[in-house]
PDB file of N, CA and C in Angstrom:
ATOM      1  N   UNK A   1      14.455  91.270  -0.013  1.00  0.00           N
ATOM      2  CA  UNK A   1      15.128  91.704  -1.286  1.00  0.00           C
ATOM      3  C   UNK A   1      16.696  91.195  -1.393  1.00  0.00           C
ATOM      4  N   UNK A   2      16.936  90.409  -2.518  1.00  0.00           N
ATOM      5  CA  UNK A   2      18.206  89.984  -2.551  1.00  0.00           C
ATOM      6  C   UNK A   2      18.976  90.773  -3.656  1.00  0.00           C
ATOM      7  N   UNK A   3      20.288  90.999  -3.356  1.00  0.00           N
ATOM      8  CA  UNK A   3      21.162  91.633  -4.352  1.00  0.00           C
ATOM      9  C   UNK A   3      22.018  90.701  -5.057  1.00  0.00           C
ATOM     10  N   UNK A   4      22.056  90.821  -6.352  1.00  0.00           N
ATOM     11  CA  UNK A   4      22.907  89.982  -7.106  1.00  0.00           C
ATOM     12  C   UNK A   4      24.395  90.543  -6.934  1.00  0.00           C
ATOM     13  N   UNK A   5      25.307  89.632  -6.685  1.00  0.00           N
ATOM     14  CA  UNK A   5      26.688  90.057  -6.596  1.00  0.00           C
ATOM     15  C   UNK A   5      27.354  89.973  -7.734  1.00  0.00           C
ATOM     16  N   UNK A   6      28.268  91.001  -8.069  1.00  0.00           N
ATOM     17  CA  UNK A   6      28.996  90.930  -9.291  1.00  0.00           C
ATOM     18  C   UNK A   6      30.466  90.759  -8.843  1.00  0.00           C
ATOM     19  N   UNK A   7      31.133  90.082  -9.597  1.00  0.00           N
ATOM     20  CA  UNK A   7      32.619  89.918  -9.288  1.00  0.00           C
ATOM     21  C   UNK A   7      33.443  90.533 -10.355  1.00  0.00           C
ATOM     22  N   UNK A   8      34.569  91.094 -10.112  1.00  0.00           N
ATOM     23  CA  UNK A   8      35.421  91.807 -10.959  1.00  0.00           C
ATOM     24  C   UNK A   8      36.640  90.948 -11.149  1.00  0.00           C
ATOM     25  N   UNK A   9      37.289  90.992 -12.197  1.00  0.00           N
ATOM     26  CA  UNK A   9      38.575  90.382 -12.523  1.00  0.00           C
ATOM     27  C   UNK A   9      39.598  90.859 -11.573  1.00  0.00           C
ATOM     28  N   UNK A  10      40.254  90.014 -10.800  1.00  0.00           N
ATOM     29  CA  UNK A  10      41.150  90.432  -9.879  1.00  0.00           C
ATOM     30  C   UNK A  10      42.399  91.270 -10.537  1.00  0.00           C
ATOM     31  N   UNK A  11      42.750  90.985 -11.781  1.00  0.00           N
ATOM     32  CA  UNK A  11      43.820  91.632 -12.502  1.00  0.00           C
ATOM     33  C   UNK A  11      43.374  93.083 -12.847  1.00  0.00           C
ATOM     34  N   UNK A  12      42.086  93.131 -13.198  1.00  0.00           N
ATOM     35  CA  UNK A  12      41.589  94.398 -13.424  1.00  0.00           C
ATOM     36  C   UNK A  12      41.518  95.307 -12.297  1.00  0.00           C
ATOM     37  N   UNK A  13      41.226  94.772 -11.147  1.00  0.00           N
ATOM     38  CA  UNK A  13      41.124  95.497  -9.887  1.00  0.00           C
ATOM     39  C   UNK A  13      42.604  95.892  -9.402  1.00  0.00           C
ATOM     40  N   UNK A  14      43.421  94.987  -9.542  1.00  0.00           N
ATOM     41  CA  UNK A  14      44.905  95.383  -9.205  1.00  0.00           C
ATOM     42  C   UNK A  14      45.436  96.492 -10.054  1.00  0.00           C
ATOM     43  N   UNK A  15      45.122  96.535 -11.353  1.00  0.00           N
ATOM     44  CA  UNK A  15      45.580  97.562 -12.275  1.00  0.00           C
ATOM     45  C   UNK A  15      45.042  98.881 -11.851  1.00  0.00           C
ATOM     46  N   UNK A  16      43.567  98.852 -11.496  1.00  0.00           N
ATOM     47  CA  UNK A  16      43.076 100.100 -11.121  1.00  0.00           C
ATOM     48  C   UNK A  16      43.514 100.626  -9.764  1.00  0.00           C
ATOM     49  N   UNK A  17      43.836  99.724  -8.914  1.00  0.00           N
ATOM     50  CA  UNK A  17      44.407 100.139  -7.672  1.00  0.00           C
ATOM     51  C   UNK A  17      45.826 100.705  -7.690  1.00  0.00           C
ATOM     52  N   UNK A  18      46.423 100.272  -8.675  1.00  0.00           N
ATOM     53  CA  UNK A  18      47.839 100.802  -8.888  1.00  0.00           C
ATOM     54  C   UNK A  18      48.120 102.044  -9.684  1.00  0.00           C
ATOM     55  N   UNK A  19      46.855 102.462 -10.195  1.00  0.00           N
ATOM     56  CA  UNK A  19      46.942 103.681 -11.108  1.00  0.00           C
ATOM     57  C   UNK A  19      47.324 104.853 -10.217  1.00  0.00           C
ATOM     58  N   UNK A  20      48.191 105.793 -10.893  1.00  0.00           N
ATOM     59  CA  UNK A  20      48.555 106.971 -10.147  1.00  0.00           C
ATOM     60  C   UNK A  20      47.501 107.939 -10.353  1.00  0.00           C
ATOM     61  N   UNK A  21      47.351 108.930  -9.318  1.00  0.00           N
ATOM     62  CA  UNK A  21      46.433 110.167  -9.578  1.00  0.00           C
ATOM     63  C   UNK A  21      47.257 111.316  -9.836  1.00  0.00           C
ATOM     64  N   UNK A  22      46.927 111.865 -11.015  1.00  0.00           N
ATOM     65  CA  UNK A  22      47.673 113.220 -11.494  1.00  0.00           C
ATOM     66  C   UNK A  22      47.481 114.236 -10.463  1.00  0.00           C
ATOM     67  N   UNK A  23      48.498 114.827  -9.981  1.00  0.00           N
ATOM     68  CA  UNK A  23      48.400 115.925  -9.025  1.00  0.00           C
ATOM     69  C   UNK A  23      48.144 117.274  -9.759  1.00  0.00           C
ATOM     70  N   UNK A  24      47.288 118.118  -9.295  1.00  0.00           N
ATOM     71  CA  UNK A  24      47.198 119.562  -9.833  1.00  0.00           C
ATOM     72  C   UNK A  24      48.067 120.496  -9.007  1.00  0.00           C
ATOM     73  N   UNK A  25      49.108 121.109  -9.535  1.00  0.00           N
ATOM     74  CA  UNK A  25      49.945 122.004  -8.894  1.00  0.00           C
ATOM     75  C   UNK A  25      49.160 123.118  -8.281  1.00  0.00           C
ATOM     76  N   UNK A  26      49.622 123.445  -7.156  1.00  0.00           N
ATOM     77  CA  UNK A  26      49.242 124.819  -6.625  1.00  0.00           C
ATOM     78  C   UNK A  26      50.299 125.669  -6.536  1.00  0.00           C
ATOM     79  N   UNK A  27      50.178 126.911  -6.968  1.00  0.00           N
ATOM     80  CA  UNK A  27      51.270 127.945  -7.036  1.00  0.00           C
ATOM     81  C   UNK A  27      50.850 129.057  -6.085  1.00  0.00           C
ATOM     82  N   UNK A  28      51.852 129.443  -5.274  1.00  0.00           N
ATOM     83  CA  UNK A  28      51.614 130.621  -4.408  1.00  0.00           C
ATOM     84  C   UNK A  28      52.430 131.853  -5.057  1.00  0.00           C
ATOM     85  N   UNK A  29      51.732 132.776  -5.433  1.00  0.00           N
ATOM     86  CA  UNK A  29      52.319 133.959  -6.031  1.00  0.00           C
ATOM     87  C   UNK A  29      52.200 135.177  -5.278  1.00  0.00           C
ATOM     88  N   UNK A  30      53.299 135.923  -4.941  1.00  0.00           N
ATOM     89  CA  UNK A  30      53.307 137.134  -4.268  1.00  0.00           C
ATOM     90  C   UNK A  30      52.886 138.351  -5.310  1.00  0.00           C
ATOM     91  N   UNK A  31      51.889 139.019  -4.940  1.00  0.00           N
ATOM     92  CA  UNK A  31      51.336 140.124  -5.682  1.00  0.00           C
ATOM     93  C   UNK A  31      51.076 141.269  -4.723  1.00  0.00           C
ATOM     94  N   UNK A  32      51.705 142.385  -5.082  1.00  0.00           N
ATOM     95  CA  UNK A  32      51.675 143.591  -4.220  1.00  0.00           C
ATOM     96  C   UNK A  32      52.017 143.140  -2.623  1.00  0.00           C
ATOM     97  N   UNK A  33      50.966 143.366  -1.890  1.00  0.00           N
ATOM     98  CA  UNK A  33      51.145 142.961  -0.400  1.00  0.00           C
ATOM     99  C   UNK A  33      50.531 141.631  -0.099  1.00  0.00           C
ATOM    100  N   UNK A  34      49.944 140.979  -1.068  1.00  0.00           N
ATOM    101  CA  UNK A  34      49.342 139.686  -0.770  1.00  0.00           C
ATOM    102  C   UNK A  34      49.869 138.517  -1.463  1.00  0.00           C
ATOM    103  N   UNK A  35      49.359 137.334  -1.244  1.00  0.00           N
ATOM    104  CA  UNK A  35      49.660 136.086  -1.762  1.00  0.00           C
ATOM    105  C   UNK A  35      48.399 135.459  -2.423  1.00  0.00           C
ATOM    106  N   UNK A  36      48.597 135.004  -3.786  1.00  0.00           N
ATOM    107  CA  UNK A  36      47.526 134.434  -4.549  1.00  0.00           C
ATOM    108  C   UNK A  36      47.776 132.913  -4.455  1.00  0.00           C
ATOM    109  N   UNK A  37      46.902 132.160  -4.259  1.00  0.00           N
ATOM    110  CA  UNK A  37      47.034 130.675  -4.452  1.00  0.00           C
ATOM    111  C   UNK A  37      46.318 130.263  -5.838  1.00  0.00           C
ATOM    112  N   UNK A  38      47.079 129.749  -6.669  1.00  0.00           N
ATOM    113  CA  UNK A  38      46.547 129.297  -8.024  1.00  0.00           C
ATOM    114  C   UNK A  38      46.676 127.713  -8.180  1.00  0.00           C
ATOM    115  N   UNK A  39      45.526 127.220  -8.576  1.00  0.00           N
ATOM    116  CA  UNK A  39      45.555 125.825  -8.926  1.00  0.00           C
ATOM    117  C   UNK A  39      45.678 125.794 -10.534  1.00  0.00           C
ATOM    118  N   UNK A  40      46.675 125.076 -11.054  1.00  0.00           N
ATOM    119  CA  UNK A  40      47.053 125.205 -12.381  1.00  0.00           C
ATOM    120  C   UNK A  40      46.911 123.829 -13.066  1.00  0.00           C
ATOM    121  N   UNK A  41      46.181 123.785 -14.249  1.00  0.00           N
ATOM    122  CA  UNK A  41      46.195 122.521 -15.008  1.00  0.00           C
ATOM    123  C   UNK A  41      46.398 122.929 -16.364  1.00  0.00           C
ATOM    124  N   UNK A  42      47.470 122.575 -16.927  1.00  0.00           N
ATOM    125  CA  UNK A  42      47.829 123.053 -18.317  1.00  0.00           C
ATOM    126  C   UNK A  42      47.783 124.687 -18.516  1.00  0.00           C
ATOM    127  N   UNK A  43      47.106 125.189 -19.405  1.00  0.00           N
ATOM    128  CA  UNK A  43      46.906 126.617 -19.515  1.00  0.00           C
ATOM    129  C   UNK A  43      45.805 127.230 -18.571  1.00  0.00           C
ATOM    130  N   UNK A  44      45.034 126.403 -18.013  1.00  0.00           N
ATOM    131  CA  UNK A  44      43.920 126.807 -17.106  1.00  0.00           C
ATOM    132  C   UNK A  44      44.498 127.036 -15.710  1.00  0.00           C
ATOM    133  N   UNK A  45      43.968 128.036 -15.109  1.00  0.00           N
ATOM    134  CA  UNK A  45      44.200 128.482 -13.652  1.00  0.00           C
ATOM    135  C   UNK A  45      43.038 128.915 -12.951  1.00  0.00           C
ATOM    136  N   UNK A  46      43.130 128.726 -11.679  1.00  0.00           N
ATOM    137  CA  UNK A  46      42.019 128.990 -10.762  1.00  0.00           C
ATOM    138  C   UNK A  46      42.504 129.688  -9.491  1.00  0.00           C
ATOM    139  N   UNK A  47      42.133 130.822  -9.194  1.00  0.00           N
ATOM    140  CA  UNK A  47      42.436 131.513  -7.893  1.00  0.00           C
ATOM    141  C   UNK A  47      41.512 131.107  -6.795  1.00  0.00           C
ATOM    142  N   UNK A  48      42.146 130.218  -6.000  1.00  0.00           N
ATOM    143  CA  UNK A  48      41.247 129.531  -4.929  1.00  0.00           C
ATOM    144  C   UNK A  48      40.597 130.741  -4.120  1.00  0.00           C
ATOM    145  N   UNK A  49      41.263 131.740  -3.806  1.00  0.00           N
ATOM    146  CA  UNK A  49      40.709 132.775  -2.772  1.00  0.00           C
ATOM    147  C   UNK A  49      39.700 133.670  -3.366  1.00  0.00           C
ATOM    148  N   UNK A  50      40.148 134.048  -4.729  1.00  0.00           N
ATOM    149  CA  UNK A  50      38.999 135.102  -5.313  1.00  0.00           C
ATOM    150  C   UNK A  50      37.962 134.212  -6.072  1.00  0.00           C
ATOM    151  N   UNK A  51      38.087 132.939  -6.109  1.00  0.00           N
ATOM    152  CA  UNK A  51      37.073 132.102  -6.767  1.00  0.00           C
ATOM    153  C   UNK A  51      36.936 132.551  -8.278  1.00  0.00           C
ATOM    154  N   UNK A  52      38.061 132.767  -8.958  1.00  0.00           N
ATOM    155  CA  UNK A  52      38.055 133.099 -10.274  1.00  0.00           C
ATOM    156  C   UNK A  52      39.054 132.461 -11.105  1.00  0.00           C
ATOM    157  N   UNK A  53      38.821 132.106 -12.246  1.00  0.00           N
ATOM    158  CA  UNK A  53      39.677 131.246 -13.185  1.00  0.00           C
ATOM    159  C   UNK A  53      39.668 131.834 -14.538  1.00  0.00           C
ATOM    160  N   UNK A  54      40.601 131.310 -15.350  1.00  0.00           N
ATOM    161  CA  UNK A  54      40.684 131.602 -16.677  1.00  0.00           C
ATOM    162  C   UNK A  54      41.741 130.658 -17.345  1.00  0.00           C
ATOM    163  N   UNK A  55      41.983 131.109 -18.545  1.00  0.00           N
ATOM    164  CA  UNK A  55      43.127 130.354 -19.289  1.00  0.00           C
ATOM    165  C   UNK A  55      44.032 131.301 -19.981  1.00  0.00           C
ATOM    166  N   UNK A  56      45.225 130.829 -19.868  1.00  0.00           N
ATOM    167  CA  UNK A  56      46.308 131.639 -20.532  1.00  0.00           C
ATOM    168  C   UNK A  56      47.143 132.665 -19.821  1.00  0.00           C
ATOM    169  N   UNK A  57      48.156 133.119 -20.395  1.00  0.00           N
ATOM    170  CA  UNK A  57      48.918 134.069 -19.693  1.00  0.00           C
ATOM    171  C   UNK A  57      48.219 135.550 -19.726  1.00  0.00           C
ATOM    172  N   UNK A  58      47.339 135.885 -20.776  1.00  0.00           N
ATOM    173  CA  UNK A  58      46.746 137.075 -20.725  1.00  0.00           C
ATOM    174  C   UNK A  58      45.748 137.194 -19.735  1.00  0.00           C
ATOM    175  N   UNK A  59      44.778 136.258 -19.590  1.00  0.00           N
ATOM    176  CA  UNK A  59      43.910 136.282 -18.441  1.00  0.00           C
ATOM    177  C   UNK A  59      44.400 136.278 -17.130  1.00  0.00           C
ATOM    178  N   UNK A  60      45.586 135.597 -16.981  1.00  0.00           N
ATOM    179  CA  UNK A  60      46.222 135.551 -15.635  1.00  0.00           C
ATOM    180  C   UNK A  60      46.871 136.909 -15.328  1.00  0.00           C
ATOM    181  N   UNK A  61      47.400 137.498 -16.384  1.00  0.00           N
ATOM    182  CA  UNK A  61      48.089 138.900 -16.167  1.00  0.00           C
ATOM    183  C   UNK A  61      47.019 139.891 -15.833  1.00  0.00           C
ATOM    184  N   UNK A  62      45.859 139.770 -16.510  1.00  0.00           N
ATOM    185  CA  UNK A  62      44.822 140.583 -16.274  1.00  0.00           C
ATOM    186  C   UNK A  62      44.217 140.620 -14.765  1.00  0.00           C
ATOM    187  N   UNK A  63      44.208 139.267 -14.372  1.00  0.00           N
ATOM    188  CA  UNK A  63      43.653 138.961 -13.044  1.00  0.00           C
ATOM    189  C   UNK A  63      44.921 139.533 -11.822  1.00  0.00           C
ATOM    190  N   UNK A  64      45.870 139.032 -12.047  1.00  0.00           N
ATOM    191  CA  UNK A  64      46.985 139.269 -11.044  1.00  0.00           C
ATOM    192  C   UNK A  64      47.373 140.763 -10.997  1.00  0.00           C
ATOM    193  N   UNK A  65      47.314 141.494 -12.159  1.00  0.00           N
ATOM    194  CA  UNK A  65      47.758 142.893 -12.110  1.00  0.00           C
ATOM    195  C   UNK A  65      46.695 143.884 -12.153  1.00  0.00           C
ATOM    196  N   UNK A  66      45.537 143.379 -12.372  1.00  0.00           N
ATOM    197  CA  UNK A  66      44.326 144.356 -12.469  1.00  0.00           C
ATOM    198  C   UNK A  66      44.311 145.174 -13.756  1.00  0.00           C
ATOM    199  N   UNK A  67      44.679 144.526 -14.866  1.00  0.00           N
ATOM    200  CA  UNK A  67      44.872 145.242 -16.098  1.00  0.00           C
ATOM    201  C   UNK A  67      43.699 144.827 -16.994  1.00  0.00           C
ATOM    202  N   UNK A  68      43.555 145.661 -18.001  1.00  0.00           N
ATOM    203  CA  UNK A  68      42.541 145.228 -19.201  1.00  0.00           C
ATOM    204  C   UNK A  68      43.317 144.357 -20.144  1.00  0.00           C
ATOM    205  N   UNK A  69      42.598 144.023 -21.162  1.00  0.00           N
ATOM    206  CA  UNK A  69      43.202 143.122 -22.195  1.00  0.00           C
ATOM    207  C   UNK A  69      44.528 143.734 -22.720  1.00  0.00           C
ATOM    208  N   UNK A  70      44.328 144.982 -23.357  1.00  0.00           N
ATOM    209  CA  UNK A  70      45.296 145.757 -23.858  1.00  0.00           C
ATOM    210  C   UNK A  70      46.631 145.893 -22.924  1.00  0.00           C
ATOM    211  N   UNK A  71      46.215 146.311 -21.798  1.00  0.00           N
ATOM    212  CA  UNK A  71      47.366 146.506 -20.649  1.00  0.00           C
ATOM    213  C   UNK A  71      48.173 145.222 -20.424  1.00  0.00           C
ATOM    214  N   UNK A  72      47.384 144.136 -20.319  1.00  0.00           N
ATOM    215  CA  UNK A  72      48.059 142.761 -20.142  1.00  0.00           C
ATOM    216  C   UNK A  72      48.894 142.411 -21.370  1.00  0.00           C
ATOM    217  N   UNK A  73      48.450 142.499 -22.574  1.00  0.00           N
ATOM    218  CA  UNK A  73      49.155 142.190 -23.640  1.00  0.00           C
ATOM    219  C   UNK A  73      50.480 143.034 -23.808  1.00  0.00           C
ATOM    220  N   UNK A  74      50.295 144.390 -23.449  1.00  0.00           N
ATOM    221  CA  UNK A  74      51.508 145.311 -23.464  1.00  0.00           C
ATOM    222  C   UNK A  74      52.486 144.822 -22.414  1.00  0.00           C
ATOM    223  N   UNK A  75      51.991 144.442 -21.224  1.00  0.00           N
ATOM    224  CA  UNK A  75      52.767 144.026 -20.158  1.00  0.00           C
ATOM    225  C   UNK A  75      53.617 142.677 -20.513  1.00  0.00           C
ATOM    226  N   UNK A  76      52.979 141.788 -21.157  1.00  0.00           N
ATOM    227  CA  UNK A  76      53.546 140.627 -21.440  1.00  0.00           C
ATOM    228  C   UNK A  76      54.528 140.678 -22.690  1.00  0.00           C
ATOM    229  N   UNK A  77      54.317 141.703 -23.416  1.00  0.00           N
ATOM    230  CA  UNK A  77      55.122 141.908 -24.726  1.00  0.00           C
ATOM    231  C   UNK A  77      56.570 142.380 -24.279  1.00  0.00           C
TER     232      UNK A  77
END
């Protein structure tokens, strides 16, 4: 069985190889007696240890502080 070989434009390959990869920041937040590792992309966040994520400050405050929606909004206000 023979494979047909495709060739790519060398300039296109060079452009692809030189592209930068966007990094997703990891934040380490001290909460009570522990530390939470968060991966953040825009407004979205993910707690790598709790395997839980969400979006925005209200969700994050609810998660980190163990608050309900009303409590989180009051805390942020």
